[in-house]
């Protein structure tokens, strides 16, 4: 079942500016954090040196501001990335609440990174970093909707076909004849949230589900 959202509801459920949970998700793994730290350190030091040389000119203060921005990249980088990801769903003209179920749940191995590493004989070999992902196929009384995939954690092992699921469906068509994207999902019977990235303000979404679904079923 698809229940179209009212004007302004999408913007209340997916904020323009990153929340703390979204910041943590965009922060990434230790390797990505290290990359940001290196960019911040190298860029900050270089621009600080330039600002000292240009201190007597009118450009010195501008370079100093740029240096501070580089040094704070570890903070504003994830905020910018999370806000950009939020914007990918906020831009759709049509959004609806999906109330359906999991019709299939399975796992698959995905290669997350590759690197060359020397073995005991000194020969370079390709080393792959693999991770188990869970894939859910979602549907309602009208049929198949979409797939939702995310890195698998221990609590996800309890998800079975038939588990109720709720999420947002985004489309560029008012009749939702083509699903462009879906958000992270809530499994109310398991009290479990799933998804690769936490798009939704979860308490607000749970409240919306309770309000809109109870009113519709009461008719």
N, C-alpha and C. Protein backbone atom coordinates (compact mmCIF):
# COMPACT_ATOMS: atom_id res chain seq x y z
N UNK A 1 0.84 -1.19 0.00
CA UNK A 1 0.00 0.00 0.00
C UNK A 1 0.88 1.25 0.00
N UNK A 2 0.57 2.16 -0.90
CA UNK A 2 1.27 3.44 -0.98
C UNK A 2 0.34 4.55 -0.52
N UNK A 3 0.79 5.36 0.42
CA UNK A 3 0.02 6.49 0.93
C UNK A 3 0.81 7.76 0.62
N UNK A 4 0.37 8.57 -0.36
CA UNK A 4 1.13 9.79 -0.71
C UNK A 4 1.31 10.71 0.48
N UNK A 5 2.49 11.29 0.58
CA UNK A 5 2.75 12.24 1.65
C UNK A 5 2.12 13.58 1.34
N UNK A 6 1.81 14.32 2.38
CA UNK A 6 1.26 15.66 2.22
C UNK A 6 2.39 16.66 2.00
N UNK A 7 2.09 17.84 1.46
CA UNK A 7 3.13 18.85 1.24
C UNK A 7 3.89 19.16 2.53
N UNK A 8 5.20 19.14 2.44
CA UNK A 8 6.04 19.46 3.58
C UNK A 8 6.45 18.27 4.42
N UNK A 9 5.76 17.12 4.28
CA UNK A 9 6.08 15.96 5.12
C UNK A 9 7.42 15.34 4.75
N UNK A 10 7.74 15.31 3.47
CA UNK A 10 9.03 14.75 3.05
C UNK A 10 10.18 15.55 3.64
N UNK A 11 10.06 16.87 3.62
CA UNK A 11 11.12 17.74 4.15
C UNK A 11 11.26 17.60 5.67
N UNK A 12 10.16 17.26 6.34
CA UNK A 12 10.25 17.05 7.79
C UNK A 12 10.86 15.70 8.13
N UNK A 13 10.71 14.73 7.24
CA UNK A 13 11.24 13.39 7.50
C UNK A 13 12.70 13.24 7.08
N UNK A 14 13.10 13.97 6.05
CA UNK A 14 14.49 13.94 5.59
C UNK A 14 15.03 15.35 5.67
N UNK A 15 15.85 15.67 6.64
CA UNK A 15 16.33 17.04 6.85
C UNK A 15 17.31 17.48 5.77
N UNK A 16 17.39 18.78 5.58
CA UNK A 16 18.35 19.33 4.61
C UNK A 16 19.77 19.25 5.16
N UNK A 17 19.91 19.51 6.46
CA UNK A 17 21.22 19.47 7.12
C UNK A 17 21.36 18.16 7.88
N UNK A 18 22.55 17.58 7.83
CA UNK A 18 22.78 16.26 8.43
C UNK A 18 22.53 16.24 9.93
N UNK A 19 21.91 15.16 10.39
CA UNK A 19 21.74 14.92 11.82
C UNK A 19 22.98 14.21 12.37
N UNK A 20 23.01 14.00 13.67
CA UNK A 20 24.13 13.30 14.27
C UNK A 20 24.28 11.88 13.76
N UNK A 21 23.15 11.19 13.58
CA UNK A 21 23.19 9.82 13.07
C UNK A 21 23.70 9.78 11.63
N UNK A 22 23.26 10.75 10.82
CA UNK A 22 23.70 10.82 9.43
C UNK A 22 25.17 11.20 9.35
N UNK A 23 25.62 12.09 10.25
CA UNK A 23 27.04 12.46 10.31
C UNK A 23 27.89 11.22 10.59
N UNK A 24 27.45 10.40 11.55
CA UNK A 24 28.20 9.19 11.90
C UNK A 24 28.25 8.22 10.72
N UNK A 25 27.15 8.11 9.97
CA UNK A 25 27.11 7.21 8.82
C UNK A 25 28.01 7.71 7.70
N UNK A 26 28.05 9.04 7.51
CA UNK A 26 28.88 9.62 6.44
C UNK A 26 30.35 9.66 6.82
N UNK A 27 30.65 9.54 8.11
CA UNK A 27 32.04 9.59 8.56
C UNK A 27 32.85 8.47 7.94
N UNK A 28 32.22 7.30 7.77
CA UNK A 28 32.87 6.20 7.07
C UNK A 28 33.74 5.33 7.95
N UNK A 29 34.47 4.43 7.30
CA UNK A 29 35.34 3.49 8.01
C UNK A 29 36.65 4.19 8.40
N UNK A 30 37.51 3.52 9.19
CA UNK A 30 38.77 4.15 9.60
C UNK A 30 39.65 4.62 8.44
N UNK A 31 39.61 3.89 7.33
CA UNK A 31 40.42 4.29 6.18
C UNK A 31 39.94 5.62 5.61
N UNK A 32 38.63 5.80 5.54
CA UNK A 32 38.07 7.04 5.02
C UNK A 32 38.33 8.19 5.98
N UNK A 33 38.25 7.92 7.27
CA UNK A 33 38.54 8.95 8.27
C UNK A 33 39.99 9.39 8.15
N UNK A 34 40.90 8.42 7.97
CA UNK A 34 42.32 8.74 7.83
C UNK A 34 42.57 9.61 6.60
N UNK A 35 41.86 9.31 5.50
CA UNK A 35 42.00 10.12 4.29
C UNK A 35 41.60 11.57 4.56
N UNK A 36 40.50 11.75 5.30
CA UNK A 36 40.07 13.11 5.61
C UNK A 36 41.07 13.83 6.51
N UNK A 37 41.62 13.09 7.49
CA UNK A 37 42.60 13.69 8.39
C UNK A 37 43.83 14.13 7.60
N UNK A 38 44.29 13.32 6.66
CA UNK A 38 45.46 13.67 5.85
C UNK A 38 45.18 14.89 4.98
N UNK A 39 43.99 14.92 4.35
CA UNK A 39 43.63 16.08 3.53
C UNK A 39 43.59 17.34 4.38
N UNK A 40 42.97 17.23 5.59
CA UNK A 40 42.87 18.39 6.48
C UNK A 40 44.24 18.86 6.92
N UNK A 41 45.12 17.91 7.28
CA UNK A 41 46.44 18.27 7.79
C UNK A 41 47.31 18.89 6.69
N UNK A 42 47.38 18.23 5.55
CA UNK A 42 48.24 18.72 4.45
C UNK A 42 47.72 20.05 3.92
N UNK A 43 46.41 20.11 3.65
CA UNK A 43 45.85 21.36 3.14
C UNK A 43 45.96 22.49 4.14
N UNK A 44 45.72 22.17 5.44
CA UNK A 44 45.81 23.19 6.47
C UNK A 44 47.20 23.76 6.63
N UNK A 45 48.21 22.87 6.65
CA UNK A 45 49.59 23.33 6.81
C UNK A 45 50.04 24.18 5.63
N UNK A 46 49.74 23.72 4.42
CA UNK A 46 50.16 24.46 3.22
C UNK A 46 49.53 25.85 3.19
N UNK A 47 48.22 25.92 3.44
CA UNK A 47 47.55 27.23 3.39
C UNK A 47 47.95 28.13 4.55
N UNK A 48 48.31 27.55 5.71
CA UNK A 48 48.83 28.36 6.82
C UNK A 48 50.17 28.99 6.46
N UNK A 49 51.03 28.21 5.80
CA UNK A 49 52.32 28.75 5.36
C UNK A 49 52.12 29.87 4.35
N UNK A 50 51.18 29.66 3.43
CA UNK A 50 50.90 30.71 2.43
C UNK A 50 50.35 31.96 3.11
N UNK A 51 49.46 31.77 4.10
CA UNK A 51 48.87 32.93 4.79
C UNK A 51 49.92 33.73 5.54
N UNK A 52 50.95 33.06 6.08
CA UNK A 52 52.03 33.78 6.77
C UNK A 52 52.85 34.61 5.81
N UNK A 53 53.07 34.06 4.61
CA UNK A 53 53.85 34.80 3.61
C UNK A 53 53.05 35.98 3.05
N UNK A 54 51.73 35.82 3.03
CA UNK A 54 50.87 36.86 2.47
C UNK A 54 50.28 37.76 3.55
N UNK A 55 50.79 37.63 4.80
CA UNK A 55 50.18 38.33 5.92
C UNK A 55 50.19 39.85 5.74
N UNK A 56 51.24 40.35 5.14
CA UNK A 56 51.33 41.81 4.98
C UNK A 56 50.42 42.33 3.88
N UNK A 57 50.00 41.47 2.99
CA UNK A 57 49.10 41.88 1.91
C UNK A 57 47.65 41.64 2.31
N UNK A 58 46.75 42.04 1.46
CA UNK A 58 45.32 41.87 1.75
C UNK A 58 44.85 40.44 1.63
N UNK A 59 45.69 39.55 1.05
CA UNK A 59 45.30 38.16 0.85
C UNK A 59 45.58 37.28 2.07
N UNK A 60 46.34 37.79 3.02
CA UNK A 60 46.74 36.98 4.17
C UNK A 60 45.56 36.46 4.97
N UNK A 61 44.58 37.31 5.24
CA UNK A 61 43.42 36.90 6.03
C UNK A 61 42.56 35.89 5.28
N UNK A 62 42.49 36.04 3.95
CA UNK A 62 41.71 35.09 3.14
C UNK A 62 42.34 33.71 3.19
N UNK A 63 43.68 33.65 3.04
CA UNK A 63 44.37 32.37 3.11
C UNK A 63 44.24 31.74 4.50
N UNK A 64 44.19 32.60 5.53
CA UNK A 64 44.02 32.08 6.89
C UNK A 64 42.65 31.41 7.06
N UNK A 65 41.62 32.02 6.48
CA UNK A 65 40.29 31.44 6.53
C UNK A 65 40.25 30.10 5.80
N UNK A 66 40.95 30.06 4.64
CA UNK A 66 41.01 28.81 3.88
C UNK A 66 41.73 27.73 4.69
N UNK A 67 42.79 28.13 5.41
CA UNK A 67 43.53 27.18 6.24
C UNK A 67 42.65 26.60 7.34
N UNK A 68 41.88 27.45 8.00
CA UNK A 68 40.98 26.99 9.05
C UNK A 68 39.93 26.03 8.47
N UNK A 69 39.43 26.36 7.26
CA UNK A 69 38.45 25.49 6.60
C UNK A 69 39.05 24.11 6.33
N UNK A 70 40.30 24.08 5.87
CA UNK A 70 40.96 22.79 5.63
C UNK A 70 41.11 22.00 6.93
N UNK A 71 41.52 22.69 7.99
CA UNK A 71 41.74 22.00 9.27
C UNK A 71 40.44 21.43 9.83
N UNK A 72 39.32 22.06 9.49
CA UNK A 72 38.02 21.59 9.98
C UNK A 72 37.34 20.63 8.99
N UNK A 73 38.08 20.21 7.95
CA UNK A 73 37.50 19.34 6.93
C UNK A 73 37.00 18.02 7.51
N UNK A 74 37.66 17.54 8.56
CA UNK A 74 37.23 16.29 9.20
C UNK A 74 35.81 16.41 9.72
N UNK A 75 35.40 17.64 10.09
CA UNK A 75 34.05 17.85 10.61
C UNK A 75 33.05 18.18 9.50
N UNK A 76 33.40 19.17 8.65
CA UNK A 76 32.40 19.59 7.67
C UNK A 76 32.33 18.68 6.45
N UNK A 77 33.35 17.86 6.24
CA UNK A 77 33.32 16.92 5.11
C UNK A 77 32.16 15.94 5.23
N UNK A 78 32.03 15.21 6.36
CA UNK A 78 30.88 14.30 6.52
C UNK A 78 29.54 15.01 6.53
N UNK A 79 29.49 16.23 7.09
CA UNK A 79 28.23 16.99 7.10
C UNK A 79 27.81 17.30 5.67
N UNK A 80 28.76 17.73 4.85
CA UNK A 80 28.46 18.05 3.45
C UNK A 80 28.04 16.81 2.68
N UNK A 81 28.73 15.69 2.92
CA UNK A 81 28.39 14.45 2.22
C UNK A 81 27.00 13.96 2.60
N UNK A 82 26.68 14.01 3.91
CA UNK A 82 25.37 13.56 4.37
C UNK A 82 24.26 14.47 3.84
N UNK A 83 24.49 15.77 3.83
CA UNK A 83 23.49 16.71 3.32
C UNK A 83 23.26 16.48 1.83
N UNK A 84 24.34 16.16 1.10
CA UNK A 84 24.20 15.87 -0.33
C UNK A 84 23.37 14.61 -0.55
N UNK A 85 23.59 13.58 0.28
CA UNK A 85 22.81 12.35 0.15
C UNK A 85 21.34 12.60 0.48
N UNK A 86 21.08 13.41 1.49
CA UNK A 86 19.70 13.76 1.82
C UNK A 86 19.03 14.44 0.64
N UNK A 87 19.77 15.33 -0.03
CA UNK A 87 19.21 16.09 -1.15
C UNK A 87 18.80 15.20 -2.31
N UNK A 88 19.45 14.02 -2.45
CA UNK A 88 19.10 13.13 -3.57
C UNK A 88 17.67 12.62 -3.45
N UNK A 89 17.15 12.49 -2.22
CA UNK A 89 15.76 12.06 -2.05
C UNK A 89 14.81 13.23 -1.91
N UNK A 90 15.26 14.31 -1.31
CA UNK A 90 14.40 15.48 -1.10
C UNK A 90 13.98 16.13 -2.43
N UNK A 91 14.73 15.87 -3.50
CA UNK A 91 14.46 16.54 -4.77
C UNK A 91 13.28 15.94 -5.53
N UNK A 92 12.86 14.74 -5.16
CA UNK A 92 11.78 14.10 -5.92
C UNK A 92 10.45 14.79 -5.64
N UNK A 93 9.64 15.00 -6.68
CA UNK A 93 8.37 15.71 -6.49
C UNK A 93 7.29 14.88 -5.82
N UNK A 94 7.41 13.55 -5.87
CA UNK A 94 6.38 12.69 -5.31
C UNK A 94 6.99 11.71 -4.32
N UNK A 95 6.37 11.62 -3.14
CA UNK A 95 6.83 10.70 -2.10
C UNK A 95 5.62 10.05 -1.45
N UNK A 96 5.78 8.80 -1.05
CA UNK A 96 4.66 8.07 -0.44
C UNK A 96 5.18 7.14 0.64
N UNK A 97 4.33 6.91 1.61
CA UNK A 97 4.60 5.93 2.65
C UNK A 97 4.26 4.54 2.12
N UNK A 98 5.21 3.63 2.19
CA UNK A 98 5.00 2.25 1.73
C UNK A 98 4.74 1.35 2.92
N UNK A 99 3.65 0.62 2.88
CA UNK A 99 3.32 -0.36 3.92
C UNK A 99 3.18 -1.71 3.24
N UNK A 100 4.18 -2.55 3.41
CA UNK A 100 4.17 -3.85 2.74
C UNK A 100 4.88 -4.89 3.57
N UNK A 101 5.56 -5.82 2.91
CA UNK A 101 6.26 -6.90 3.62
C UNK A 101 7.48 -7.35 2.84
N UNK A 102 8.32 -8.07 3.54
CA UNK A 102 9.48 -8.69 2.90
C UNK A 102 9.01 -9.98 2.24
N UNK A 103 9.23 -10.09 0.93
CA UNK A 103 8.83 -11.32 0.23
C UNK A 103 10.01 -12.27 0.03
N UNK A 104 11.22 -11.74 0.16
CA UNK A 104 12.40 -12.60 0.08
C UNK A 104 13.55 -11.90 0.80
N UNK A 105 14.39 -12.69 1.46
CA UNK A 105 15.55 -12.16 2.16
C UNK A 105 16.72 -13.11 1.93
N UNK A 106 17.83 -12.58 1.44
CA UNK A 106 19.00 -13.42 1.19
C UNK A 106 20.26 -12.59 1.36
N UNK A 107 21.39 -13.27 1.42
CA UNK A 107 22.67 -12.59 1.59
C UNK A 107 23.54 -12.77 0.35
N UNK A 108 24.50 -11.87 0.20
CA UNK A 108 25.46 -11.99 -0.88
C UNK A 108 26.77 -11.35 -0.44
N UNK A 109 27.84 -11.86 -0.99
CA UNK A 109 29.17 -11.33 -0.69
C UNK A 109 29.50 -10.23 -1.69
N UNK A 110 29.97 -9.10 -1.18
CA UNK A 110 30.35 -7.99 -2.05
C UNK A 110 31.79 -7.58 -1.77
N UNK A 111 32.51 -7.25 -2.83
CA UNK A 111 33.89 -6.77 -2.70
C UNK A 111 33.83 -5.27 -2.41
N UNK A 112 34.34 -4.87 -1.25
CA UNK A 112 34.31 -3.46 -0.87
C UNK A 112 35.59 -2.72 -1.26
N UNK A 113 36.69 -3.44 -1.33
CA UNK A 113 37.95 -2.80 -1.74
C UNK A 113 38.92 -3.87 -2.22
N UNK A 114 39.88 -3.43 -3.03
CA UNK A 114 40.95 -4.31 -3.53
C UNK A 114 42.29 -3.61 -3.34
N UNK A 115 43.30 -4.40 -3.02
CA UNK A 115 44.64 -3.83 -2.91
C UNK A 115 45.67 -4.90 -3.25
N UNK A 116 46.84 -4.47 -3.69
CA UNK A 116 47.92 -5.40 -3.99
C UNK A 116 48.80 -5.55 -2.76
N UNK A 117 49.18 -6.80 -2.47
CA UNK A 117 49.98 -7.08 -1.29
C UNK A 117 51.00 -8.16 -1.62
N UNK A 118 52.21 -8.00 -1.11
CA UNK A 118 53.26 -8.98 -1.38
C UNK A 118 53.06 -10.22 -0.51
N UNK A 119 53.17 -11.40 -1.14
CA UNK A 119 53.04 -12.65 -0.39
C UNK A 119 54.40 -13.08 0.15
N UNK A 120 54.48 -14.30 0.69
CA UNK A 120 55.71 -14.78 1.31
C UNK A 120 56.85 -14.90 0.32
N UNK A 121 56.52 -15.08 -0.98
CA UNK A 121 57.55 -15.21 -2.02
C UNK A 121 57.95 -13.87 -2.60
N UNK A 122 57.31 -12.79 -2.10
CA UNK A 122 57.63 -11.46 -2.61
C UNK A 122 56.87 -11.08 -3.86
N UNK A 123 55.92 -11.92 -4.26
CA UNK A 123 55.12 -11.65 -5.45
C UNK A 123 53.87 -10.88 -5.07
N UNK A 124 53.54 -9.90 -5.86
CA UNK A 124 52.33 -9.12 -5.59
C UNK A 124 51.09 -9.93 -5.94
N UNK A 125 50.13 -9.93 -5.04
CA UNK A 125 48.86 -10.60 -5.30
C UNK A 125 47.72 -9.67 -4.89
N UNK A 126 46.59 -9.86 -5.55
CA UNK A 126 45.43 -9.02 -5.30
C UNK A 126 44.67 -9.54 -4.08
N UNK A 127 44.46 -8.64 -3.11
CA UNK A 127 43.72 -9.00 -1.90
C UNK A 127 42.40 -8.24 -1.91
N UNK A 128 41.31 -8.98 -1.73
CA UNK A 128 39.98 -8.39 -1.75
C UNK A 128 39.39 -8.35 -0.35
N UNK A 129 38.80 -7.23 -0.02
CA UNK A 129 38.09 -7.09 1.26
C UNK A 129 36.60 -7.30 0.98
N UNK A 130 36.07 -8.42 1.46
CA UNK A 130 34.67 -8.77 1.20
C UNK A 130 33.81 -8.55 2.44
N UNK A 131 32.54 -8.27 2.19
CA UNK A 131 31.60 -8.08 3.29
C UNK A 131 30.25 -8.69 2.92
N UNK A 132 29.59 -9.27 3.91
CA UNK A 132 28.27 -9.87 3.66
C UNK A 132 27.19 -8.80 3.72
N UNK A 133 26.39 -8.74 2.68
CA UNK A 133 25.25 -7.82 2.62
C UNK A 133 23.95 -8.62 2.64
N UNK A 134 22.93 -8.04 3.23
CA UNK A 134 21.59 -8.64 3.18
C UNK A 134 20.77 -7.90 2.14
N UNK A 135 20.00 -8.63 1.38
CA UNK A 135 19.14 -8.06 0.36
C UNK A 135 17.69 -8.44 0.67
N UNK A 136 16.83 -7.43 0.74
CA UNK A 136 15.40 -7.67 0.98
C UNK A 136 14.62 -7.29 -0.27
N UNK A 137 13.72 -8.15 -0.68
CA UNK A 137 12.80 -7.82 -1.76
C UNK A 137 11.46 -7.46 -1.13
N UNK A 138 10.97 -6.26 -1.47
CA UNK A 138 9.77 -5.71 -0.85
C UNK A 138 8.59 -5.74 -1.81
N UNK A 139 7.41 -5.99 -1.26
CA UNK A 139 6.19 -6.01 -2.08
C UNK A 139 5.00 -5.71 -1.19
N UNK A 140 3.87 -5.38 -1.85
CA UNK A 140 2.61 -5.20 -1.13
C UNK A 140 1.52 -5.92 -1.92
N UNK A 141 0.26 -5.60 -1.64
CA UNK A 141 -0.83 -6.30 -2.32
C UNK A 141 -0.87 -6.02 -3.82
N UNK A 142 -0.20 -4.94 -4.26
CA UNK A 142 -0.16 -4.62 -5.68
C UNK A 142 1.01 -5.28 -6.40
N UNK A 143 1.89 -5.93 -5.64
CA UNK A 143 3.00 -6.63 -6.27
C UNK A 143 4.36 -6.12 -5.83
N UNK A 144 5.37 -6.50 -6.59
CA UNK A 144 6.77 -6.21 -6.27
C UNK A 144 7.04 -4.71 -6.30
N UNK A 145 7.85 -4.25 -5.33
CA UNK A 145 8.21 -2.83 -5.28
C UNK A 145 9.68 -2.61 -5.65
N UNK A 146 10.59 -3.08 -4.79
CA UNK A 146 12.01 -2.80 -5.01
C UNK A 146 12.84 -3.68 -4.10
N UNK A 147 14.16 -3.54 -4.26
CA UNK A 147 15.12 -4.21 -3.38
C UNK A 147 15.77 -3.20 -2.46
N UNK A 148 16.05 -3.65 -1.24
CA UNK A 148 16.77 -2.84 -0.26
C UNK A 148 17.95 -3.67 0.23
N UNK A 149 19.17 -3.14 0.09
CA UNK A 149 20.35 -3.89 0.51
C UNK A 149 21.17 -3.06 1.50
N UNK A 150 21.87 -3.76 2.38
CA UNK A 150 22.64 -3.10 3.44
C UNK A 150 23.63 -4.10 4.03
N UNK A 151 24.73 -3.60 4.63
CA UNK A 151 25.68 -4.51 5.28
C UNK A 151 25.00 -5.29 6.40
N UNK A 152 25.23 -6.59 6.43
CA UNK A 152 24.52 -7.44 7.39
C UNK A 152 25.16 -7.40 8.77
N UNK A 153 24.32 -7.26 9.79
CA UNK A 153 24.72 -7.34 11.18
C UNK A 153 23.95 -8.48 11.85
N UNK A 154 24.35 -8.85 13.05
CA UNK A 154 23.75 -9.99 13.74
C UNK A 154 22.23 -9.87 13.90
N UNK A 155 21.66 -8.68 14.28
CA UNK A 155 20.21 -8.59 14.44
C UNK A 155 19.42 -8.84 13.15
N UNK A 156 20.07 -8.69 12.00
CA UNK A 156 19.37 -8.86 10.73
C UNK A 156 19.04 -10.32 10.44
N UNK A 157 19.65 -11.24 11.18
CA UNK A 157 19.39 -12.65 10.95
C UNK A 157 17.97 -13.08 11.27
N UNK A 158 17.23 -12.25 12.01
CA UNK A 158 15.85 -12.61 12.36
C UNK A 158 14.83 -12.18 11.31
N UNK A 159 15.29 -11.51 10.26
CA UNK A 159 14.36 -11.07 9.20
C UNK A 159 13.98 -12.26 8.33
N UNK A 160 12.67 -12.44 8.14
CA UNK A 160 12.15 -13.55 7.35
C UNK A 160 11.12 -13.04 6.35
N UNK A 161 10.86 -13.80 5.27
CA UNK A 161 9.75 -13.44 4.38
C UNK A 161 8.45 -13.33 5.16
N UNK A 162 7.68 -12.31 4.86
CA UNK A 162 6.44 -12.05 5.57
C UNK A 162 6.57 -10.99 6.64
N UNK A 163 7.79 -10.57 6.96
CA UNK A 163 8.00 -9.52 7.96
C UNK A 163 7.45 -8.20 7.44
N UNK A 164 6.57 -7.51 8.17
CA UNK A 164 6.06 -6.20 7.73
C UNK A 164 7.20 -5.19 7.61
N UNK A 165 7.09 -4.32 6.62
CA UNK A 165 8.13 -3.32 6.38
C UNK A 165 7.48 -2.01 5.95
N UNK A 166 8.06 -0.91 6.40
CA UNK A 166 7.57 0.43 6.04
C UNK A 166 8.76 1.30 5.68
N UNK A 167 8.59 2.08 4.63
CA UNK A 167 9.65 2.99 4.18
C UNK A 167 9.02 4.07 3.31
N UNK A 168 9.85 4.96 2.81
CA UNK A 168 9.37 5.97 1.86
C UNK A 168 9.72 5.54 0.44
N UNK A 169 8.80 5.79 -0.47
CA UNK A 169 9.01 5.54 -1.89
C UNK A 169 9.05 6.89 -2.60
N UNK A 170 10.07 7.10 -3.41
CA UNK A 170 10.25 8.36 -4.13
C UNK A 170 10.09 8.13 -5.63
N UNK A 171 9.44 9.08 -6.29
CA UNK A 171 9.21 8.96 -7.73
C UNK A 171 9.14 10.34 -8.36
N UNK A 172 9.43 10.39 -9.66
CA UNK A 172 9.26 11.64 -10.41
C UNK A 172 7.90 11.67 -11.11
N UNK A 173 7.05 10.69 -10.78
CA UNK A 173 5.70 10.62 -11.37
C UNK A 173 4.66 10.58 -10.26
N UNK A 174 3.59 11.29 -10.45
CA UNK A 174 2.56 11.38 -9.41
C UNK A 174 1.84 10.05 -9.18
N UNK A 175 1.77 9.21 -10.21
CA UNK A 175 1.08 7.93 -10.06
C UNK A 175 2.01 6.81 -9.56
N UNK A 176 3.27 7.14 -9.33
CA UNK A 176 4.27 6.18 -8.84
C UNK A 176 4.40 4.96 -9.75
N UNK A 177 4.18 5.18 -11.04
CA UNK A 177 4.32 4.08 -11.98
C UNK A 177 5.78 3.66 -12.15
N UNK A 178 6.69 4.53 -11.75
CA UNK A 178 8.12 4.18 -11.75
C UNK A 178 8.72 4.60 -10.42
N UNK A 179 9.28 3.64 -9.71
CA UNK A 179 9.92 3.92 -8.42
C UNK A 179 11.36 4.33 -8.68
N UNK A 180 11.69 5.55 -8.30
CA UNK A 180 13.04 6.06 -8.53
C UNK A 180 14.00 5.68 -7.41
N UNK A 181 13.50 5.69 -6.17
CA UNK A 181 14.36 5.38 -5.04
C UNK A 181 13.49 5.05 -3.82
N UNK A 182 14.11 4.43 -2.83
CA UNK A 182 13.44 4.19 -1.55
C UNK A 182 14.39 4.58 -0.42
N UNK A 183 13.82 4.85 0.73
CA UNK A 183 14.62 5.24 1.89
C UNK A 183 15.04 4.00 2.68
N UNK A 184 15.67 4.23 3.83
CA UNK A 184 15.87 3.13 4.77
C UNK A 184 14.50 2.69 5.28
N UNK A 185 14.42 1.52 5.88
CA UNK A 185 13.12 0.93 6.20
C UNK A 185 13.00 0.56 7.67
N UNK A 186 11.77 0.57 8.14
CA UNK A 186 11.44 0.21 9.52
C UNK A 186 10.65 -1.10 9.52
N UNK A 187 11.11 -2.06 10.33
CA UNK A 187 10.42 -3.33 10.50
C UNK A 187 9.75 -3.30 11.88
N UNK A 188 8.47 -2.89 11.93
CA UNK A 188 7.84 -2.60 13.24
C UNK A 188 7.72 -3.81 14.16
N UNK A 189 7.49 -5.00 13.63
CA UNK A 189 7.33 -6.17 14.50
C UNK A 189 8.65 -6.58 15.15
N UNK A 190 9.77 -6.22 14.50
CA UNK A 190 11.10 -6.54 15.05
C UNK A 190 11.72 -5.35 15.75
N UNK A 191 11.05 -4.20 15.68
CA UNK A 191 11.61 -2.95 16.22
C UNK A 191 13.02 -2.73 15.68
N UNK A 192 13.14 -2.87 14.36
CA UNK A 192 14.45 -2.85 13.73
C UNK A 192 14.45 -1.92 12.51
N UNK A 193 15.49 -1.10 12.42
CA UNK A 193 15.69 -0.26 11.25
C UNK A 193 16.78 -0.87 10.37
N UNK A 194 16.57 -0.84 9.05
CA UNK A 194 17.56 -1.39 8.12
C UNK A 194 17.77 -0.41 6.98
N UNK A 195 18.97 -0.46 6.41
CA UNK A 195 19.28 0.40 5.28
C UNK A 195 20.76 0.73 5.28
N UNK A 196 21.27 1.08 4.11
CA UNK A 196 22.68 1.41 3.98
C UNK A 196 22.99 2.77 4.61
N UNK A 197 21.99 3.67 4.59
CA UNK A 197 22.20 5.04 5.10
C UNK A 197 20.90 5.51 5.77
N UNK A 198 20.98 6.17 6.93
CA UNK A 198 19.77 6.58 7.67
C UNK A 198 19.18 7.89 7.15
N UNK A 199 18.43 7.82 6.07
CA UNK A 199 17.83 9.03 5.51
C UNK A 199 16.79 9.65 6.45
N UNK A 200 15.98 8.82 7.09
CA UNK A 200 14.80 9.30 7.79
C UNK A 200 15.07 9.70 9.24
N UNK A 201 14.32 10.71 9.70
CA UNK A 201 14.26 11.01 11.12
C UNK A 201 13.35 9.95 11.73
N UNK A 202 13.91 9.00 12.41
CA UNK A 202 13.21 7.77 12.74
C UNK A 202 12.02 7.96 13.68
N UNK A 203 12.14 8.69 14.79
CA UNK A 203 10.95 8.87 15.64
C UNK A 203 9.81 9.55 14.89
N UNK A 204 10.14 10.53 14.04
CA UNK A 204 9.11 11.23 13.26
C UNK A 204 8.44 10.29 12.27
N UNK A 205 9.23 9.40 11.66
CA UNK A 205 8.67 8.46 10.69
C UNK A 205 7.77 7.44 11.38
N UNK A 206 8.19 6.93 12.53
CA UNK A 206 7.37 5.97 13.26
C UNK A 206 6.05 6.61 13.69
N UNK A 207 6.12 7.87 14.09
CA UNK A 207 4.90 8.58 14.48
C UNK A 207 3.98 8.78 13.28
N UNK A 208 4.57 9.12 12.13
CA UNK A 208 3.77 9.30 10.92
C UNK A 208 3.10 7.99 10.52
N UNK A 209 3.82 6.89 10.60
CA UNK A 209 3.25 5.58 10.26
C UNK A 209 2.06 5.27 11.15
N UNK A 210 2.22 5.48 12.44
CA UNK A 210 1.15 5.18 13.37
C UNK A 210 -0.08 6.05 13.09
N UNK A 211 0.14 7.32 12.79
CA UNK A 211 -0.96 8.25 12.56
C UNK A 211 -1.68 7.97 11.24
N UNK A 212 -0.91 7.83 10.16
CA UNK A 212 -1.52 7.68 8.84
C UNK A 212 -2.12 6.29 8.64
N UNK A 213 -1.47 5.25 9.13
CA UNK A 213 -1.98 3.90 8.92
C UNK A 213 -3.19 3.61 9.81
N UNK A 214 -3.16 4.09 11.04
CA UNK A 214 -4.29 3.87 11.93
C UNK A 214 -5.54 4.60 11.44
N UNK A 215 -5.36 5.82 10.91
CA UNK A 215 -6.50 6.57 10.40
C UNK A 215 -7.07 5.93 9.14
N UNK A 216 -6.19 5.37 8.31
CA UNK A 216 -6.67 4.73 7.07
C UNK A 216 -7.39 3.42 7.38
N UNK A 217 -6.87 2.64 8.32
CA UNK A 217 -7.50 1.38 8.66
C UNK A 217 -8.80 1.56 9.44
N UNK A 218 -8.94 2.76 10.05
CA UNK A 218 -10.16 3.02 10.81
C UNK A 218 -11.33 3.43 9.95
N UNK A 219 -11.07 3.64 8.65
CA UNK A 219 -12.18 4.05 7.76
C UNK A 219 -13.10 2.87 7.45
